[in-house]
């Protein structure tokens, strides 16, 4: 969706507040499809020379599944941003630089914010979704501040088995590896 910046183009240097609702298409992340809803960007923008400065906060709700039990999980995305867009006209000569794809561009009196919103949302996501501390599948995994070794749920069936017990059975006292 496009944000109309014509007011800033008429009054360069003036900070103009905005609220913009956008949509982020479903994203494939580590083999899981994550969807987004309620994507809202709020903040201010201003134009100076050939640059559009836009800053504020983006909020959204990411929908995924718990890495342990596969229950649906919602993750609130809340990210601050501060970006500069460069004006591109038909007379602007394109520079072939390695960071060309990463440069944010706008043309005319409207700017596309969907790519910015998608980038901000995906970078704010956790490595994996978890439904909470009471998740039955994640109950046996020790937390970062817990020093005591615990067993995972799948290890409770075979308490005398160790991760390398199969390799240990292949060796005898007289053999070396």
Protein backbone atom coordinates (compact mmCIF):
# COMPACT_ATOMS: atom_id res chain seq x y z
CA UNK A 1 0.00 0.00 0.00
CA UNK A 2 1.17 3.50 -0.73
CA UNK A 3 1.71 6.41 1.65
CA UNK A 4 0.87 9.81 0.14
CA UNK A 5 3.76 12.22 0.81
CA UNK A 6 2.55 15.11 -1.39
CA UNK A 7 2.10 17.40 1.63
CA UNK A 8 5.78 16.98 2.56
CA UNK A 9 6.83 17.63 -1.03
CA UNK A 10 4.96 20.98 -0.94
CA UNK A 11 6.51 21.97 2.43
CA UNK A 12 10.10 20.65 2.54
CA UNK A 13 11.57 20.26 6.02
CA UNK A 14 8.21 20.12 7.80
CA UNK A 15 7.57 17.04 9.96
CA UNK A 16 4.23 15.50 9.10
CA UNK A 17 2.66 12.84 11.35
CA UNK A 18 1.10 9.76 9.78
CA UNK A 19 -0.62 6.49 10.51
CA UNK A 20 -0.49 3.89 7.77
CA UNK A 21 -2.13 0.48 7.65
CA UNK A 22 -0.33 -2.07 5.48
CA UNK A 23 -0.41 -5.75 4.60
CA UNK A 24 2.43 -8.27 4.72
CA UNK A 25 2.04 -11.42 2.61
CA UNK A 26 2.62 -14.81 4.30
CA UNK A 27 6.34 -15.54 4.71
CA UNK A 28 8.08 -18.92 4.60
CA UNK A 29 10.52 -18.93 7.54
CA UNK A 30 12.50 -22.06 8.44
CA UNK A 31 9.92 -24.24 6.70
CA UNK A 32 6.95 -22.67 8.46
CA UNK A 33 4.50 -20.21 6.99
CA UNK A 34 4.09 -17.13 9.19
CA UNK A 35 1.19 -14.78 8.56
CA UNK A 36 0.75 -11.20 9.77
CA UNK A 37 -2.27 -9.10 10.70
CA UNK A 38 -2.94 -5.61 12.05
CA UNK A 39 0.18 -4.11 10.45
CA UNK A 40 0.27 -0.42 11.41
CA UNK A 41 3.07 2.10 10.93
CA UNK A 42 2.84 5.35 12.90
CA UNK A 43 5.29 8.18 13.05
CA UNK A 44 6.41 11.20 11.05
CA UNK A 45 8.03 11.98 7.73
CA UNK A 46 9.72 14.92 6.08
CA UNK A 47 11.36 15.68 2.76
CA UNK A 48 14.65 17.50 2.29
CA UNK A 49 16.35 17.79 -1.10
CA UNK A 50 15.88 14.39 -2.77
CA UNK A 51 15.49 12.39 0.46
CA UNK A 52 12.42 11.28 2.35
CA UNK A 53 13.06 10.71 6.05
CA UNK A 54 10.46 8.50 7.72
CA UNK A 55 10.59 7.38 11.35
CA UNK A 56 8.28 5.93 13.96
CA UNK A 57 7.01 2.56 15.17
CA UNK A 58 5.53 -0.47 13.45
CA UNK A 59 3.21 -2.87 15.24
CA UNK A 60 1.78 -6.11 13.91
CA UNK A 61 0.63 -9.53 15.05
CA UNK A 62 2.57 -12.53 13.70
CA UNK A 63 0.78 -15.89 13.59
CA UNK A 64 2.78 -19.14 13.71
CA UNK A 65 2.87 -22.48 15.49
CA UNK A 66 4.63 -23.55 18.68
CA UNK A 67 7.91 -25.35 17.98
CA UNK A 68 7.07 -27.93 20.64
CA UNK A 69 3.38 -28.79 20.49
CA UNK A 70 2.32 -27.10 17.21
CA UNK A 71 -0.46 -25.07 18.82
CA UNK A 72 -1.19 -21.75 17.09
CA UNK A 73 0.86 -18.92 18.62
CA UNK A 74 0.58 -15.15 18.19
CA UNK A 75 3.67 -12.97 18.55
CA UNK A 76 3.30 -9.18 18.94
CA UNK A 77 5.73 -7.32 16.69
CA UNK A 78 6.70 -3.88 18.00
CA UNK A 79 9.63 -2.22 16.21
CA UNK A 80 10.99 1.30 15.97
CA UNK A 81 12.29 2.43 12.59
CA UNK A 82 14.20 5.36 11.14
CA UNK A 83 14.72 5.18 7.39
CA UNK A 84 15.72 7.36 4.45
CA UNK A 85 14.28 6.91 0.96
CA UNK A 86 16.04 8.35 -2.09
CA UNK A 87 13.95 9.97 -4.81
CA UNK A 88 14.16 8.25 -8.16
CA UNK A 89 13.09 10.01 -11.34
CA UNK A 90 13.26 8.94 -14.94
CA UNK A 91 16.21 11.31 -15.32
CA UNK A 92 18.06 9.81 -12.36
CA UNK A 93 20.91 7.69 -13.58
CA UNK A 94 20.95 4.30 -11.89
CA UNK A 95 24.17 3.47 -10.14
CA UNK A 96 25.24 -0.14 -10.24
CA UNK A 97 26.38 -0.74 -6.67
CA UNK A 98 26.29 -3.91 -4.56
CA UNK A 99 23.81 -2.35 -2.13
CA UNK A 100 21.41 -1.22 -4.88
CA UNK A 101 18.74 -3.73 -3.83
CA UNK A 102 18.91 -2.58 -0.22
CA UNK A 103 18.47 1.10 -1.03
CA UNK A 104 14.98 2.37 -0.31
CA UNK A 105 13.58 4.39 -3.21
CA UNK A 106 10.46 6.42 -3.90
CA UNK A 107 9.06 7.93 -7.04
CA UNK A 108 6.50 10.68 -7.37
CA UNK A 109 4.28 11.69 -4.48
CA UNK A 110 3.68 8.22 -3.03
CA UNK A 111 5.99 5.76 -1.32
CA UNK A 112 5.59 1.99 -1.01
CA UNK A 113 6.07 0.84 2.61
CA UNK A 114 5.22 -2.87 2.23
CA UNK A 115 8.83 -4.00 1.78
CA UNK A 116 9.94 -1.94 4.79
CA UNK A 117 7.11 -3.36 6.92
CA UNK A 118 7.90 -6.94 5.87
CA UNK A 119 11.62 -6.50 6.62
CA UNK A 120 10.97 -4.98 10.05
CA UNK A 121 8.46 -7.69 10.98
CA UNK A 122 10.59 -10.65 9.88
CA UNK A 123 13.71 -9.32 11.63
CA UNK A 124 11.79 -8.94 14.89
CA UNK A 125 10.48 -12.53 14.94
CA UNK A 126 11.89 -14.99 17.50
CA UNK A 127 14.00 -17.93 16.29
CA UNK A 128 11.07 -20.19 17.09
CA UNK A 129 7.57 -19.68 18.37
CA UNK A 130 6.72 -21.11 21.79
CA UNK A 131 3.28 -21.21 23.36
CA UNK A 132 4.64 -20.59 26.87
CA UNK A 133 6.42 -22.08 29.84
CA UNK A 134 3.59 -24.57 30.38
CA UNK A 135 4.03 -26.16 26.92
CA UNK A 136 3.99 -29.95 27.43
CA UNK A 137 6.57 -30.61 24.69
CA UNK A 138 9.03 -28.00 25.98
CA UNK A 139 8.62 -28.81 29.69
CA UNK A 140 11.81 -30.90 29.95
CA UNK A 141 14.13 -28.47 28.19
CA UNK A 142 16.26 -26.50 30.67
CA UNK A 143 16.01 -22.74 30.60
CA UNK A 144 19.03 -20.50 30.09
CA UNK A 145 19.31 -19.69 33.80
CA UNK A 146 18.88 -23.30 34.95
CA UNK A 147 22.16 -25.18 35.57
CA UNK A 148 20.66 -28.57 36.44
CA UNK A 149 20.60 -31.11 33.62
CA UNK A 150 17.12 -32.28 32.75
CA UNK A 151 15.88 -34.94 30.38
CA UNK A 152 13.63 -34.33 27.42
CA UNK A 153 10.25 -36.09 27.23
CA UNK A 154 11.51 -38.59 24.63
CA UNK A 155 14.39 -39.67 26.93
CA UNK A 156 12.07 -40.68 29.79
CA UNK A 157 11.18 -43.90 27.96
CA UNK A 158 14.83 -45.08 28.00
CA UNK A 159 16.48 -43.72 31.17
CA UNK A 160 19.55 -45.99 30.84
CA UNK A 161 20.23 -44.97 27.21
CA UNK A 162 22.71 -42.22 26.49
CA UNK A 163 23.13 -40.32 23.22
CA UNK A 164 26.30 -42.26 22.34
CA UNK A 165 25.33 -45.65 23.76
CA UNK A 166 25.09 -47.23 20.29
CA UNK A 167 28.66 -46.18 19.52
CA UNK A 168 29.81 -47.38 22.91
CA UNK A 169 28.45 -50.87 22.19
CA UNK A 170 30.56 -51.08 19.03
CA UNK A 171 33.75 -50.63 20.98
CA UNK A 172 35.38 -53.16 23.24
CA UNK A 173 38.17 -52.61 25.76
CA UNK A 174 40.92 -53.77 23.36
CA UNK A 175 39.85 -51.74 20.31
CA UNK A 176 40.78 -48.19 19.49
CA UNK A 177 39.03 -45.80 17.18
